Amino acid sequence: MNAANNTNYLMHFVKGQVPPVKGFWSLTMYDKDGFLLHDAINHYNIGDRALGLKNNPDGSLDIYISSKNPGQAKESKWLPAPDGPFTLLLRMYILDDSVGQYRILPVEKVVINN
């Protein structure tokens, strides 16, 4: 994924459609050379164990991927991204039996309003 300046992305999980695991899941970011990205808030991954991660009022979950902070209300669901290329990896630990039918929805380019 190559994020240009001011490009924002959203990973949206429909209600009840987060990764089916008995352990935990995380969305982890790597730089163009395959190393973990380090940012000012040391937030190179986000997942079901992230502090303050809350579902939307309809039960869905959004994760904001952007070089700019999406605003205080969305900050707990923010994965800081560089302005250049990066790779996202969805990790799932101790898979549920339903993982074979699970479909990961694509990450979308979006406009984030603060």
C-alpha atoms as a PDB file:
ATOM      1  CA  MET A   1       0.000   0.000   0.000  1.00  0.00           C
ATOM      2  CA  ASN A   2       1.431   3.384  -0.907  1.00  0.00           C
ATOM      3  CA  ALA A   3      -0.041   6.225   1.091  1.00  0.00           C
ATOM      4  CA  ALA A   4       0.458   9.674  -0.377  1.00  0.00           C
ATOM      5  CA  ASN A   5       0.352  12.778   1.797  1.00  0.00           C
ATOM      6  CA  ASN A   6      -3.064  13.274   3.368  1.00  0.00           C
ATOM      7  CA  THR A   7      -4.291   9.884   2.174  1.00  0.00           C
ATOM      8  CA  ASN A   8      -6.481   8.188   4.724  1.00  0.00           C
ATOM      9  CA  TYR A   9      -7.659   4.614   4.877  1.00  0.00           C
ATOM     10  CA  LEU A  10     -10.378   2.818   6.783  1.00  0.00           C
ATOM     11  CA  MET A  11     -10.665  -0.831   7.732  1.00  0.00           C
ATOM     12  CA  HIS A  12     -14.317  -1.461   8.551  1.00  0.00           C
ATOM     13  CA  PHE A  13     -15.619  -4.553  10.310  1.00  0.00           C
ATOM     14  CA  VAL A  14     -19.362  -5.097  10.120  1.00  0.00           C
ATOM     15  CA  LYS A  15     -21.043  -5.897  13.456  1.00  0.00           C
ATOM     16  CA  GLY A  16     -20.053  -9.413  14.504  1.00  0.00           C
ATOM     17  CA  GLN A  17     -17.478  -9.723  11.702  1.00  0.00           C
ATOM     18  CA  VAL A  18     -14.190  -9.039  13.481  1.00  0.00           C
ATOM     19  CA  PRO A  19     -11.648 -11.808  12.920  1.00  0.00           C
ATOM     20  CA  PRO A  20     -12.978 -15.116  14.322  1.00  0.00           C
ATOM     21  CA  VAL A  21     -10.400 -16.067  16.928  1.00  0.00           C
ATOM     22  CA  LYS A  22     -10.298 -17.695  20.329  1.00  0.00           C
ATOM     23  CA  GLY A  23      -7.080 -15.823  21.117  1.00  0.00           C
ATOM     24  CA  PHE A  24      -6.645 -12.326  19.731  1.00  0.00           C
ATOM     25  CA  TRP A  25      -6.203 -10.424  16.474  1.00  0.00           C
ATOM     26  CA  SER A  26      -4.179  -7.397  15.460  1.00  0.00           C
ATOM     27  CA  LEU A  27      -3.612  -5.196  12.431  1.00  0.00           C
ATOM     28  CA  THR A  28       0.128  -4.495  12.284  1.00  0.00           C
ATOM     29  CA  MET A  29       1.982  -1.947  10.142  1.00  0.00           C
ATOM     30  CA  TYR A  30       5.409  -2.417   8.542  1.00  0.00           C
ATOM     31  CA  ASP A  31       7.633  -0.048   6.603  1.00  0.00           C
ATOM     32  CA  LYS A  32       8.708  -0.574   2.979  1.00  0.00           C
ATOM     33  CA  ASP A  33      11.610  -2.763   4.149  1.00  0.00           C
ATOM     34  CA  GLY A  34       9.414  -5.047   6.263  1.00  0.00           C
ATOM     35  CA  PHE A  35      10.266  -3.612   9.680  1.00  0.00           C
ATOM     36  CA  LEU A  36       7.761  -2.523  12.309  1.00  0.00           C
ATOM     37  CA  LEU A  37       6.933   1.138  11.962  1.00  0.00           C
ATOM     38  CA  HIS A  38       7.676   3.324  14.933  1.00  0.00           C
ATOM     39  CA  ASP A  39       5.773   6.550  15.369  1.00  0.00           C
ATOM     40  CA  ALA A  40       5.433   9.291  17.944  1.00  0.00           C
ATOM     41  CA  ILE A  41       2.807   7.376  19.940  1.00  0.00           C
ATOM     42  CA  ASN A  42       4.408   3.892  19.568  1.00  0.00           C
ATOM     43  CA  HIS A  43       1.227   2.544  18.025  1.00  0.00           C
ATOM     44  CA  TYR A  44       2.437   0.195  15.271  1.00  0.00           C
ATOM     45  CA  ASN A  45      -0.504  -2.160  15.666  1.00  0.00           C
ATOM     46  CA  ILE A  46      -4.115  -2.146  16.787  1.00  0.00           C
ATOM     47  CA  GLY A  47      -6.412  -5.011  17.640  1.00  0.00           C
ATOM     48  CA  ASP A  48      -8.998  -6.399  19.986  1.00  0.00           C
ATOM     49  CA  ARG A  49      -6.730  -5.777  22.994  1.00  0.00           C
ATOM     50  CA  ALA A  50      -6.016  -2.120  22.194  1.00  0.00           C
ATOM     51  CA  LEU A  51      -6.834   0.201  25.067  1.00  0.00           C
ATOM     52  CA  GLY A  52      -9.945   2.263  24.443  1.00  0.00           C
ATOM     53  CA  LEU A  53     -10.920   0.434  21.243  1.00  0.00           C
ATOM     54  CA  LYS A  54     -14.690   0.800  20.998  1.00  0.00           C
ATOM     55  CA  ASN A  55     -17.260  -0.298  18.490  1.00  0.00           C
ATOM     56  CA  ASN A  56     -19.396   2.205  16.627  1.00  0.00           C
ATOM     57  CA  PRO A  57     -22.959   2.730  17.936  1.00  0.00           C
ATOM     58  CA  ASP A  58     -24.247   0.167  15.386  1.00  0.00           C
ATOM     59  CA  GLY A  59     -21.801  -2.482  16.676  1.00  0.00           C
ATOM     60  CA  SER A  60     -19.396  -2.229  13.730  1.00  0.00           C
ATOM     61  CA  LEU A  61     -15.720  -1.349  14.191  1.00  0.00           C
ATOM     62  CA  ASP A  62     -13.640   1.147  12.223  1.00  0.00           C
ATOM     63  CA  ILE A  63      -9.852   1.400  12.243  1.00  0.00           C
ATOM     64  CA  TYR A  64      -8.434   4.623  10.820  1.00  0.00           C
ATOM     65  CA  ILE A  65      -5.089   4.379   9.008  1.00  0.00           C
ATOM     66  CA  SER A  66      -3.575   7.790   8.326  1.00  0.00           C
ATOM     67  CA  SER A  67      -0.473   9.911   8.760  1.00  0.00           C
ATOM     68  CA  LYS A  68      -2.635  12.535  10.460  1.00  0.00           C
ATOM     69  CA  ASN A  69      -4.465  12.120  13.728  1.00  0.00           C
ATOM     70  CA  PRO A  70      -8.178  11.634  12.898  1.00  0.00           C
ATOM     71  CA  GLY A  71      -9.262  13.591  15.976  1.00  0.00           C
ATOM     72  CA  GLN A  72      -9.758  12.841  19.630  1.00  0.00           C
ATOM     73  CA  ALA A  73     -13.000  10.883  19.163  1.00  0.00           C
ATOM     74  CA  LYS A  74     -11.301   8.472  16.720  1.00  0.00           C
ATOM     75  CA  GLU A  75      -7.780   8.437  18.174  1.00  0.00           C
ATOM     76  CA  SER A  76      -8.220   5.123  20.046  1.00  0.00           C
ATOM     77  CA  LYS A  77      -9.011   3.519  16.656  1.00  0.00           C
ATOM     78  CA  TRP A  78      -6.096   5.179  14.817  1.00  0.00           C
ATOM     79  CA  LEU A  79      -3.140   3.342  13.339  1.00  0.00           C
ATOM     80  CA  PRO A  80      -0.559   6.044  12.446  1.00  0.00           C
ATOM     81  CA  ALA A  81       0.832   5.574   8.938  1.00  0.00           C
ATOM     82  CA  PRO A  82       3.830   7.092   7.170  1.00  0.00           C
ATOM     83  CA  ASP A  83       3.401   9.357   4.156  1.00  0.00           C
ATOM     84  CA  GLY A  84       5.139   6.734   2.008  1.00  0.00           C
ATOM     85  CA  PRO A  85       4.735   3.013   1.354  1.00  0.00           C
ATOM     86  CA  PHE A  86       3.716   0.631   4.112  1.00  0.00           C
ATOM     87  CA  THR A  87       2.333  -2.863   4.534  1.00  0.00           C
ATOM     88  CA  LEU A  88      -0.579  -3.952   6.707  1.00  0.00           C
ATOM     89  CA  LEU A  89      -0.794  -7.458   8.094  1.00  0.00           C
ATOM     90  CA  LEU A  90      -3.867  -8.846   9.855  1.00  0.00           C
ATOM     91  CA  ARG A  91      -2.715 -11.414  12.391  1.00  0.00           C
ATOM     92  CA  MET A  92      -5.116 -13.908  13.948  1.00  0.00           C
ATOM     93  CA  TYR A  93      -4.164 -16.135  16.888  1.00  0.00           C
ATOM     94  CA  ILE A  94      -5.911 -19.350  17.969  1.00  0.00           C
ATOM     95  CA  LEU A  95      -8.379 -19.494  15.117  1.00  0.00           C
ATOM     96  CA  ASP A  96     -12.054 -20.212  15.578  1.00  0.00           C
ATOM     97  CA  ASP A  97     -13.573 -23.061  13.555  1.00  0.00           C
ATOM     98  CA  SER A  98     -15.378 -20.523  11.339  1.00  0.00           C
ATOM     99  CA  VAL A  99     -12.144 -18.938  10.039  1.00  0.00           C
ATOM    100  CA  GLY A 100     -12.433 -20.877   6.750  1.00  0.00           C
ATOM    101  CA  GLN A 101     -15.551 -18.893   5.829  1.00  0.00           C
ATOM    102  CA  TYR A 102     -14.201 -15.544   7.050  1.00  0.00           C
ATOM    103  CA  ARG A 103     -13.666 -12.826   4.443  1.00  0.00           C
ATOM    104  CA  ILE A 104     -11.507  -9.812   5.131  1.00  0.00           C
ATOM    105  CA  LEU A 105     -13.039  -6.710   3.610  1.00  0.00           C
ATOM    106  CA  PRO A 106     -10.695  -4.434   1.651  1.00  0.00           C
ATOM    107  CA  VAL A 107      -9.131  -1.369   3.199  1.00  0.00           C
ATOM    108  CA  GLU A 108     -10.782   1.715   1.686  1.00  0.00           C
ATOM    109  CA  LYS A 109      -9.460   5.186   0.855  1.00  0.00           C
ATOM    110  CA  VAL A 110     -11.578   7.714   2.746  1.00  0.00           C
ATOM    111  CA  VAL A 111     -11.828  11.312   3.841  1.00  0.00           C
ATOM    112  CA  ILE A 112     -11.541  11.595   7.611  1.00  0.00           C
ATOM    113  CA  ASN A 113     -13.361  14.540   9.152  1.00  0.00           C
ATOM    114  CA  ASN A 114     -12.040  15.548  12.559  1.00  0.00           C
END
